[in-house]
Amino acid sequence: RDIDAVRARLLEERSRLPLDDRALYTVLRRGEFLWPEEHLVELRAAEAKLAQAPVQAGVPLMVTGYVPEPMALLDTLSQAGAYLAADDYAAVGRRVPRQPPPLPSDPLAALAQMQFALPPCPTRGHAQARRLDYLQALFDRSGAKGVVLHTVKFCEPELFDVPAIRDHFAERKVPVLALEGELEAELSAQTITRVEAFVEMVVASTRRAA
């Protein structure tokens, strides 16, 4: 419960955290193998770095997909002048209840309740309309200027929602970059070029809107 609370704060207040995406996601994903008490210490150390005002420079983006692999994507976004202001990765953001309800005293009931408090996810059979509403609210709240659809080939639960997500944001004139990979060790040169071009496009569209 404490881990979820700190992880939620780090994700919600991303713009005030003086860490690049690689450093933040390294801390968040260490919970996949660390003993919970050890992970909580690291999370609280990161939380202690939150500034009073936004400190992130660059273009804020929202990402949705399965898992942030390869992590080189985070480096490429950073080098291109962008950062992930909102996370909807199944392996990261969708594992964190953003507004968890009070827990009942019974441990089994508490575990069940926490599952229902998680963000909508196609792997749990949530309605597509509910997920689109959630993504739009997350996008608006974060101040993101574009969306990265980062999916894995043949991951059908994720892929079923991709057309609807792409159309939803395209109708609202939000730039969308669709990336599909196979959990490669590194990004291809072609993908790096696409990411760089996308960030440039978002910057240009933001300037025109201003």
C-alpha atoms as a PDB file:
ATOM      1  CA  ARG A   1       0.000   0.000   0.000  1.00  0.00           C
ATOM      2  CA  ASP A   2       2.819   2.414   0.878  1.00  0.00           C
ATOM      3  CA  ILE A   3       4.688   1.468  -2.291  1.00  0.00           C
ATOM      4  CA  ASP A   4       1.605   2.153  -4.402  1.00  0.00           C
ATOM      5  CA  ALA A   5       1.132   5.559  -2.768  1.00  0.00           C
ATOM      6  CA  VAL A   6       4.697   6.702  -3.466  1.00  0.00           C
ATOM      7  CA  ARG A   7       4.718   5.303  -7.006  1.00  0.00           C
ATOM      8  CA  ALA A   8       1.438   7.105  -7.723  1.00  0.00           C
ATOM      9  CA  ARG A   9       2.864  10.399  -6.484  1.00  0.00           C
ATOM     10  CA  LEU A  10       6.030  10.054  -8.562  1.00  0.00           C
ATOM     11  CA  LEU A  11       3.962   9.402 -11.695  1.00  0.00           C
ATOM     12  CA  GLU A  12       1.364  12.101 -11.034  1.00  0.00           C
ATOM     13  CA  GLU A  13       3.944  14.773 -10.170  1.00  0.00           C
ATOM     14  CA  ARG A  14       6.478  13.756 -12.805  1.00  0.00           C
ATOM     15  CA  SER A  15       7.162  17.313 -13.965  1.00  0.00           C
ATOM     16  CA  ARG A  16       8.490  18.246 -10.495  1.00  0.00           C
ATOM     17  CA  LEU A  17      10.924  15.332 -10.302  1.00  0.00           C
ATOM     18  CA  PRO A  18      14.542  16.220 -11.252  1.00  0.00           C
ATOM     19  CA  LEU A  19      15.264  12.790 -12.751  1.00  0.00           C
ATOM     20  CA  ASP A  20      15.392  11.868 -16.421  1.00  0.00           C
ATOM     21  CA  ASP A  21      13.083   9.113 -17.676  1.00  0.00           C
ATOM     22  CA  ARG A  22      15.774   6.433 -17.594  1.00  0.00           C
ATOM     23  CA  ALA A  23      16.536   7.132 -13.915  1.00  0.00           C
ATOM     24  CA  LEU A  24      12.851   7.276 -12.930  1.00  0.00           C
ATOM     25  CA  TYR A  25      11.889   4.061 -14.705  1.00  0.00           C
ATOM     26  CA  THR A  26      14.914   2.277 -13.305  1.00  0.00           C
ATOM     27  CA  VAL A  27      13.674   3.078  -9.789  1.00  0.00           C
ATOM     28  CA  LEU A  28      10.058   2.172 -10.575  1.00  0.00           C
ATOM     29  CA  ARG A  29      10.930  -1.169 -12.191  1.00  0.00           C
ATOM     30  CA  ARG A  30      13.346  -2.267  -9.478  1.00  0.00           C
ATOM     31  CA  GLY A  31      10.205  -3.210  -7.570  1.00  0.00           C
ATOM     32  CA  GLU A  32       9.891  -6.153  -9.962  1.00  0.00           C
ATOM     33  CA  PHE A  33      12.704  -7.942  -8.144  1.00  0.00           C
ATOM     34  CA  LEU A  34      13.571  -6.086  -4.925  1.00  0.00           C
ATOM     35  CA  TRP A  35      12.251  -7.023  -1.504  1.00  0.00           C
ATOM     36  CA  PRO A  36       9.340  -4.590  -0.863  1.00  0.00           C
ATOM     37  CA  GLU A  37      10.982  -2.876   2.109  1.00  0.00           C
ATOM     38  CA  GLU A  38      14.115  -2.196   0.053  1.00  0.00           C
ATOM     39  CA  HIS A  39      12.068  -0.902  -2.853  1.00  0.00           C
ATOM     40  CA  LEU A  40      10.129   1.445  -0.600  1.00  0.00           C
ATOM     41  CA  VAL A  41      13.375   3.004   0.669  1.00  0.00           C
ATOM     42  CA  GLU A  42      14.450   3.765  -2.903  1.00  0.00           C
ATOM     43  CA  LEU A  43      11.039   5.150  -3.831  1.00  0.00           C
ATOM     44  CA  ARG A  44      10.995   7.469  -0.825  1.00  0.00           C
ATOM     45  CA  ALA A  45      14.485   8.681  -1.693  1.00  0.00           C
ATOM     46  CA  ALA A  46      13.189   9.614  -5.146  1.00  0.00           C
ATOM     47  CA  GLU A  47      10.076  11.205  -3.636  1.00  0.00           C
ATOM     48  CA  ALA A  48      12.264  13.391  -1.422  1.00  0.00           C
ATOM     49  CA  LYS A  49      13.680  15.003  -4.576  1.00  0.00           C
ATOM     50  CA  LEU A  50      10.320  16.432  -5.684  1.00  0.00           C
ATOM     51  CA  ALA A  51      10.635  20.161  -6.207  1.00  0.00           C
ATOM     52  CA  GLN A  52       8.120  22.839  -5.335  1.00  0.00           C
ATOM     53  CA  ALA A  53       7.589  23.765  -8.986  1.00  0.00           C
ATOM     54  CA  PRO A  54       7.987  21.957 -12.327  1.00  0.00           C
ATOM     55  CA  VAL A  55      11.636  21.360 -13.186  1.00  0.00           C
ATOM     56  CA  GLN A  56      11.353  19.236 -16.332  1.00  0.00           C
ATOM     57  CA  ALA A  57      12.384  20.933 -19.545  1.00  0.00           C
ATOM     58  CA  GLY A  58      11.264  19.680 -22.925  1.00  0.00           C
ATOM     59  CA  VAL A  59       8.117  18.417 -24.577  1.00  0.00           C
ATOM     60  CA  PRO A  60       5.745  16.510 -22.258  1.00  0.00           C
ATOM     61  CA  LEU A  61       4.351  13.322 -23.794  1.00  0.00           C
ATOM     62  CA  MET A  62       1.977  10.565 -22.712  1.00  0.00           C
ATOM     63  CA  VAL A  63       2.914   6.933 -23.349  1.00  0.00           C
ATOM     64  CA  THR A  64       0.623   3.930 -23.462  1.00  0.00           C
ATOM     65  CA  GLY A  65       1.686   0.383 -24.141  1.00  0.00           C
ATOM     66  CA  TYR A  66       2.850  -2.799 -22.485  1.00  0.00           C
ATOM     67  CA  VAL A  67       6.367  -2.370 -21.121  1.00  0.00           C
ATOM     68  CA  PRO A  68       9.145   0.271 -21.479  1.00  0.00           C
ATOM     69  CA  GLU A  69      11.503  -1.986 -23.410  1.00  0.00           C
ATOM     70  CA  PRO A  70      13.966  -1.307 -24.775  1.00  0.00           C
ATOM     71  CA  MET A  71      14.815   1.370 -22.230  1.00  0.00           C
ATOM     72  CA  ALA A  72      16.768   3.047 -25.033  1.00  0.00           C
ATOM     73  CA  LEU A  73      13.435   4.574 -26.067  1.00  0.00           C
ATOM     74  CA  LEU A  74      13.578   6.730 -22.937  1.00  0.00           C
ATOM     75  CA  ASP A  75      17.084   7.898 -23.817  1.00  0.00           C
ATOM     76  CA  THR A  76      16.047   8.705 -27.383  1.00  0.00           C
ATOM     77  CA  LEU A  77      13.063  10.764 -26.209  1.00  0.00           C
ATOM     78  CA  SER A  78      15.271  12.647 -23.773  1.00  0.00           C
ATOM     79  CA  GLN A  79      17.931  13.371 -26.383  1.00  0.00           C
ATOM     80  CA  ALA A  80      15.220  14.588 -28.766  1.00  0.00           C
ATOM     81  CA  GLY A  81      13.986  17.041 -26.134  1.00  0.00           C
ATOM     82  CA  ALA A  82      10.965  15.240 -24.674  1.00  0.00           C
ATOM     83  CA  TYR A  83      10.006  13.417 -21.495  1.00  0.00           C
ATOM     84  CA  LEU A  84       7.174  11.127 -20.390  1.00  0.00           C
ATOM     85  CA  ALA A  85       4.803  13.279 -18.379  1.00  0.00           C
ATOM     86  CA  ALA A  86       2.069  10.622 -18.238  1.00  0.00           C
ATOM     87  CA  ASP A  87       2.430   6.836 -18.074  1.00  0.00           C
ATOM     88  CA  ASP A  88      -0.078   4.173 -19.103  1.00  0.00           C
ATOM     89  CA  TYR A  89       2.304   1.232 -19.471  1.00  0.00           C
ATOM     90  CA  ALA A  90       0.692  -2.038 -18.370  1.00  0.00           C
ATOM     91  CA  ALA A  91       3.925  -2.864 -16.515  1.00  0.00           C
ATOM     92  CA  VAL A  92       4.143   0.520 -14.750  1.00  0.00           C
ATOM     93  CA  GLY A  93       1.277   3.023 -14.578  1.00  0.00           C
ATOM     94  CA  ARG A  94      -1.534   0.502 -14.842  1.00  0.00           C
ATOM     95  CA  ARG A  95      -0.221  -1.331 -11.778  1.00  0.00           C
ATOM     96  CA  VAL A  96      -0.689   1.707  -9.559  1.00  0.00           C
ATOM     97  CA  PRO A  97      -4.080   2.762  -8.123  1.00  0.00           C
ATOM     98  CA  ARG A  98      -4.167   6.552  -8.588  1.00  0.00           C
ATOM     99  CA  GLN A  99      -6.933   7.154  -6.029  1.00  0.00           C
ATOM    100  CA  PRO A 100      -7.099   4.019  -3.888  1.00  0.00           C
ATOM    101  CA  PRO A 101     -10.132   3.705  -1.590  1.00  0.00           C
ATOM    102  CA  PRO A 102      -9.742   3.045   2.143  1.00  0.00           C
ATOM    103  CA  LEU A 103      -8.714  -0.549   2.696  1.00  0.00           C
ATOM    104  CA  PRO A 104     -10.889  -2.962   4.662  1.00  0.00           C
ATOM    105  CA  SER A 105      -9.295  -4.708   7.620  1.00  0.00           C
ATOM    106  CA  ASP A 106      -9.516  -8.156   6.039  1.00  0.00           C
ATOM    107  CA  PRO A 107      -6.303  -8.753   3.989  1.00  0.00           C
ATOM    108  CA  LEU A 108      -8.002 -10.815   1.266  1.00  0.00           C
ATOM    109  CA  ALA A 109     -10.761  -8.249   0.848  1.00  0.00           C
ATOM    110  CA  ALA A 110      -8.106  -5.530   0.689  1.00  0.00           C
ATOM    111  CA  LEU A 111      -6.222  -7.345  -2.081  1.00  0.00           C
ATOM    112  CA  ALA A 112      -9.408  -7.767  -4.089  1.00  0.00           C
ATOM    113  CA  GLN A 113     -10.372  -4.130  -3.628  1.00  0.00           C
ATOM    114  CA  MET A 114      -6.946  -2.945  -4.778  1.00  0.00           C
ATOM    115  CA  GLN A 115      -7.363  -4.860  -8.048  1.00  0.00           C
ATOM    116  CA  PHE A 116     -10.613  -3.038  -8.770  1.00  0.00           C
ATOM    117  CA  ALA A 117      -8.938   0.305  -7.979  1.00  0.00           C
ATOM    118  CA  LEU A 118      -6.340  -0.101 -10.747  1.00  0.00           C
ATOM    119  CA  PRO A 119      -6.596   1.947 -13.969  1.00  0.00           C
ATOM    120  CA  PRO A 120      -8.515   0.342 -16.852  1.00  0.00           C
ATOM    121  CA  CYS A 121      -6.524  -2.292 -18.731  1.00  0.00           C
ATOM    122  CA  PRO A 122      -7.485  -4.544 -21.668  1.00  0.00           C
ATOM    123  CA  THR A 123      -5.818  -7.523 -19.970  1.00  0.00           C
ATOM    124  CA  ARG A 124      -8.536  -7.279 -17.302  1.00  0.00           C
ATOM    125  CA  GLY A 125     -11.362  -6.854 -19.800  1.00  0.00           C
ATOM    126  CA  HIS A 126     -12.279  -3.234 -19.129  1.00  0.00           C
ATOM    127  CA  ALA A 127     -14.630  -1.515 -21.561  1.00  0.00           C
ATOM    128  CA  GLN A 128     -12.810   0.389 -24.286  1.00  0.00           C
ATOM    129  CA  ALA A 129     -14.860   3.535 -23.678  1.00  0.00           C
ATOM    130  CA  ARG A 130     -13.820   3.586 -20.029  1.00  0.00           C
ATOM    131  CA  ARG A 131     -10.174   3.292 -20.995  1.00  0.00           C
ATOM    132  CA  LEU A 132     -10.426   6.136 -23.499  1.00  0.00           C
ATOM    133  CA  ASP A 133     -12.009   8.360 -20.856  1.00  0.00           C
ATOM    134  CA  TYR A 134      -9.197   7.481 -18.451  1.00  0.00           C
ATOM    135  CA  LEU A 135      -6.489   8.188 -21.034  1.00  0.00           C
ATOM    136  CA  GLN A 136      -8.033  11.520 -21.960  1.00  0.00           C
ATOM    137  CA  ALA A 137      -8.177  12.566 -18.300  1.00  0.00           C
ATOM    138  CA  LEU A 138      -4.567  11.446 -17.774  1.00  0.00           C
ATOM    139  CA  PHE A 139      -3.469  13.355 -20.875  1.00  0.00           C
ATOM    140  CA  ASP A 140      -5.256  16.543 -19.803  1.00  0.00           C
ATOM    141  CA  ARG A 141      -4.008  16.348 -16.224  1.00  0.00           C
ATOM    142  CA  SER A 142      -0.378  15.889 -17.232  1.00  0.00           C
ATOM    143  CA  GLY A 143      -0.251  18.702 -19.770  1.00  0.00           C
ATOM    144  CA  ALA A 144       1.093  16.311 -22.418  1.00  0.00           C
ATOM    145  CA  LYS A 145       1.364  17.556 -25.995  1.00  0.00           C
ATOM    146  CA  GLY A 146       1.519  14.229 -27.833  1.00  0.00           C
ATOM    147  CA  VAL A 147       0.917  10.490 -27.432  1.00  0.00           C
ATOM    148  CA  VAL A 148       3.326   7.589 -27.965  1.00  0.00           C
ATOM    149  CA  LEU A 149       1.639   4.228 -28.623  1.00  0.00           C
ATOM    150  CA  HIS A 150       4.408   1.772 -27.703  1.00  0.00           C
ATOM    151  CA  THR A 151       3.189  -1.762 -28.340  1.00  0.00           C
ATOM    152  CA  VAL A 152       4.683  -5.235 -28.672  1.00  0.00           C
ATOM    153  CA  LYS A 153       3.989  -7.339 -31.763  1.00  0.00           C
ATOM    154  CA  PHE A 154       1.335 -10.021 -31.292  1.00  0.00           C
ATOM    155  CA  CYS A 155       0.309  -8.678 -27.848  1.00  0.00           C
ATOM    156  CA  GLU A 156      -3.351  -8.888 -28.776  1.00  0.00           C
ATOM    157  CA  PRO A 157      -4.958  -7.352 -25.649  1.00  0.00           C
ATOM    158  CA  GLU A 158      -2.941  -4.170 -26.222  1.00  0.00           C
ATOM    159  CA  LEU A 159      -3.304  -4.160 -29.998  1.00  0.00           C
ATOM    160  CA  PHE A 160      -7.111  -4.398 -29.913  1.00  0.00           C
ATOM    161  CA  ASP A 161      -7.279  -0.897 -28.374  1.00  0.00           C
ATOM    162  CA  VAL A 162      -4.646   0.754 -30.583  1.00  0.00           C
ATOM    163  CA  PRO A 163      -6.975   1.867 -33.444  1.00  0.00           C
ATOM    164  CA  ALA A 164      -9.478   3.365 -31.002  1.00  0.00           C
ATOM    165  CA  ILE A 165      -6.778   5.221 -29.039  1.00  0.00           C
ATOM    166  CA  ARG A 166      -5.159   6.523 -32.220  1.00  0.00           C
ATOM    167  CA  ASP A 167      -8.485   7.700 -33.640  1.00  0.00           C
ATOM    168  CA  HIS A 168      -9.576   9.246 -30.338  1.00  0.00           C
ATOM    169  CA  PHE A 169      -6.559  11.529 -30.092  1.00  0.00           C
ATOM    170  CA  ALA A 170      -6.299  12.172 -33.832  1.00  0.00           C
ATOM    171  CA  GLU A 171      -9.857  13.539 -33.766  1.00  0.00           C
ATOM    172  CA  ARG A 172      -8.688  15.973 -31.102  1.00  0.00           C
ATOM    173  CA  LYS A 173      -5.700  17.061 -33.231  1.00  0.00           C
ATOM    174  CA  VAL A 174      -3.211  15.453 -30.829  1.00  0.00           C
ATOM    175  CA  PRO A 175      -0.021  14.147 -32.511  1.00  0.00           C
ATOM    176  CA  VAL A 176       0.291  10.356 -32.160  1.00  0.00           C
ATOM    177  CA  LEU A 177       3.359   8.162 -32.751  1.00  0.00           C
ATOM    178  CA  ALA A 178       2.705   4.419 -33.085  1.00  0.00           C
ATOM    179  CA  LEU A 179       5.735   2.225 -32.336  1.00  0.00           C
ATOM    180  CA  GLU A 180       5.589  -1.556 -32.542  1.00  0.00           C
ATOM    181  CA  GLY A 181       8.527  -3.768 -31.583  1.00  0.00           C
ATOM    182  CA  GLU A 182       9.548  -7.194 -30.351  1.00  0.00           C
ATOM    183  CA  LEU A 183      11.321  -6.301 -27.093  1.00  0.00           C
ATOM    184  CA  GLU A 184      14.583  -5.694 -28.906  1.00  0.00           C
ATOM    185  CA  ALA A 185      17.786  -5.005 -27.007  1.00  0.00           C
ATOM    186  CA  GLU A 186      18.144  -1.626 -28.757  1.00  0.00           C
ATOM    187  CA  LEU A 187      16.101   0.676 -30.968  1.00  0.00           C
ATOM    188  CA  SER A 188      16.664   0.499 -34.695  1.00  0.00           C
ATOM    189  CA  ALA A 189      18.070   3.536 -36.488  1.00  0.00           C
ATOM    190  CA  GLN A 190      14.747   3.871 -38.296  1.00  0.00           C
ATOM    191  CA  THR A 191      12.826   4.008 -35.000  1.00  0.00           C
ATOM    192  CA  ILE A 192      15.220   6.576 -33.566  1.00  0.00           C
ATOM    193  CA  THR A 193      14.676   8.766 -36.627  1.00  0.00           C
ATOM    194  CA  ARG A 194      10.896   8.418 -36.290  1.00  0.00           C
ATOM    195  CA  VAL A 195      11.010   9.396 -32.603  1.00  0.00           C
ATOM    196  CA  GLU A 196      13.166  12.437 -33.323  1.00  0.00           C
ATOM    197  CA  ALA A 197      10.887  13.537 -36.161  1.00  0.00           C
ATOM    198  CA  PHE A 198       7.813  13.077 -33.967  1.00  0.00           C
ATOM    199  CA  VAL A 199       9.212  15.261 -31.191  1.00  0.00           C
ATOM    200  CA  GLU A 200      10.075  17.957 -33.742  1.00  0.00           C
ATOM    201  CA  MET A 201       6.517  17.769 -35.098  1.00  0.00           C
ATOM    202  CA  VAL A 202       5.010  18.110 -31.610  1.00  0.00           C
ATOM    203  CA  VAL A 203       7.207  21.119 -30.907  1.00  0.00           C
ATOM    204  CA  ALA A 204       6.140  22.722 -34.179  1.00  0.00           C
ATOM    205  CA  SER A 205       2.432  22.058 -33.580  1.00  0.00           C
ATOM    206  CA  THR A 206       2.704  23.458 -30.038  1.00  0.00           C
ATOM    207  CA  ARG A 207       4.279  26.640 -31.340  1.00  0.00           C
ATOM    208  CA  ARG A 208       1.552  27.050 -33.964  1.00  0.00           C
ATOM    209  CA  ALA A 209      -1.140  26.581 -31.302  1.00  0.00           C
ATOM    210  CA  ALA A 210       0.509  29.212 -29.107  1.00  0.00           C
END
